[in-house]
Protein backbone atom coordinates (compact mmCIF):
# COMPACT_ATOMS: atom_id res chain seq x y z
CA MET A 1 53.97 -46.40 118.20
CA ASP A 2 53.10 -49.07 115.71
CA VAL A 3 49.40 -48.59 116.37
CA GLU A 4 49.59 -44.83 115.70
CA LYS A 5 51.43 -45.41 112.43
CA ASP A 6 48.84 -48.01 111.41
CA ILE A 7 46.01 -45.54 112.13
CA GLN A 8 47.75 -42.83 110.10
CA GLU A 9 48.19 -45.22 107.17
CA ARG A 10 44.52 -46.19 107.31
CA ARG A 11 43.48 -42.52 107.38
CA PHE A 12 45.78 -41.79 104.45
CA PHE A 13 44.35 -44.73 102.48
CA ALA A 14 40.75 -43.78 103.37
CA GLY A 15 41.46 -40.20 102.33
CA TRP A 16 42.63 -41.33 98.90
CA ILE A 17 39.58 -43.55 98.49
CA ILE A 18 37.23 -40.69 99.44
CA LEU A 19 39.07 -38.36 97.07
CA ALA A 20 38.78 -40.86 94.22
CA ILE A 21 35.05 -41.36 94.80
CA ALA A 22 34.48 -37.61 94.99
CA GLY A 23 36.47 -37.12 91.79
CA LEU A 24 34.52 -39.75 89.90
CA SER A 25 31.19 -38.39 91.05
CA GLY A 26 32.31 -34.86 90.18
CA ILE A 27 33.03 -35.91 86.62
CA THR A 28 29.37 -36.74 86.08
CA TRP A 29 28.27 -33.36 87.46
CA PHE A 30 30.52 -31.30 85.23
CA ARG A 31 30.24 -33.42 82.10
CA LYS A 32 28.68 -31.54 79.21
CA LYS A 33 25.20 -32.82 78.47
CA GLN A 34 24.50 -33.79 74.90
CA GLU A 35 21.71 -31.85 73.31
CA PRO A 36 19.31 -33.82 71.15
CA PRO A 37 19.88 -33.17 67.46
CA LEU A 38 17.52 -30.62 66.02
CA SER A 39 15.11 -32.27 63.66
CA GLU A 40 14.25 -30.60 60.41
CA LYS A 41 10.59 -29.66 59.93
CA VAL A 42 8.81 -30.27 56.63
CA THR A 43 5.62 -28.49 55.58
CA MET A 44 2.94 -30.85 54.28
CA LEU A 45 -0.59 -30.35 52.95
CA THR A 46 -3.36 -32.33 54.65
CA GLU A 47 -6.41 -33.75 52.91
CA ASP A 48 -8.63 -30.95 54.20
CA GLY A 49 -6.29 -28.29 52.80
CA ARG A 50 -4.37 -27.27 55.93
CA LEU A 51 -0.60 -26.81 56.01
CA VAL A 52 1.10 -28.65 58.87
CA GLN A 53 4.74 -29.04 59.87
CA ILE A 54 6.08 -32.47 60.79
CA ASP A 55 9.50 -33.90 61.58
CA SER A 56 11.37 -35.17 58.57
CA THR A 57 12.37 -38.25 60.58
CA LEU A 58 8.72 -39.41 60.53
CA LEU A 59 8.63 -39.56 56.74
CA GLN A 60 9.50 -42.77 54.97
CA LYS A 61 12.26 -42.63 52.42
CA GLY A 62 11.39 -44.13 49.09
CA ALA A 63 8.61 -43.00 46.79
CA THR A 64 9.77 -39.93 44.91
CA LYS A 65 6.92 -39.70 42.40
CA LYS A 66 5.54 -36.17 42.44
CA VAL A 67 1.82 -35.46 42.39
CA THR A 68 0.42 -33.61 39.38
CA ASN A 69 -1.75 -30.52 39.76
CA ALA A 70 -4.84 -32.38 38.52
CA GLU A 71 -4.36 -35.14 41.10
CA LEU A 72 -3.84 -32.59 43.82
CA GLN A 73 -7.00 -30.67 42.96
CA THR A 74 -9.13 -33.81 43.13
CA TRP A 75 -7.47 -34.97 46.35
CA VAL A 76 -7.96 -31.82 48.47
CA LYS A 77 -11.44 -31.62 49.97
CA HIS A 78 -12.73 -28.06 49.98
CA LYS A 79 -14.53 -26.84 53.06
CA PRO A 80 -18.17 -25.83 52.42
């Protein structure tokens, strides 16, 4: 009788352990995945006169001096 009760207790304990492991692994399956933050695109003018869009995270923060029209016209290389 004692052996049967011991087996039942072991099965009960093993059942709780299996349930806990299944519950913990199920949490990772149903957890909402974080979406990467959308990066803001900035339109920039290249040296050869093309407009390109780049991520704003790639730009360095700092220099805020704006380019004058005369400087811009001498900087852009016109295609022949």
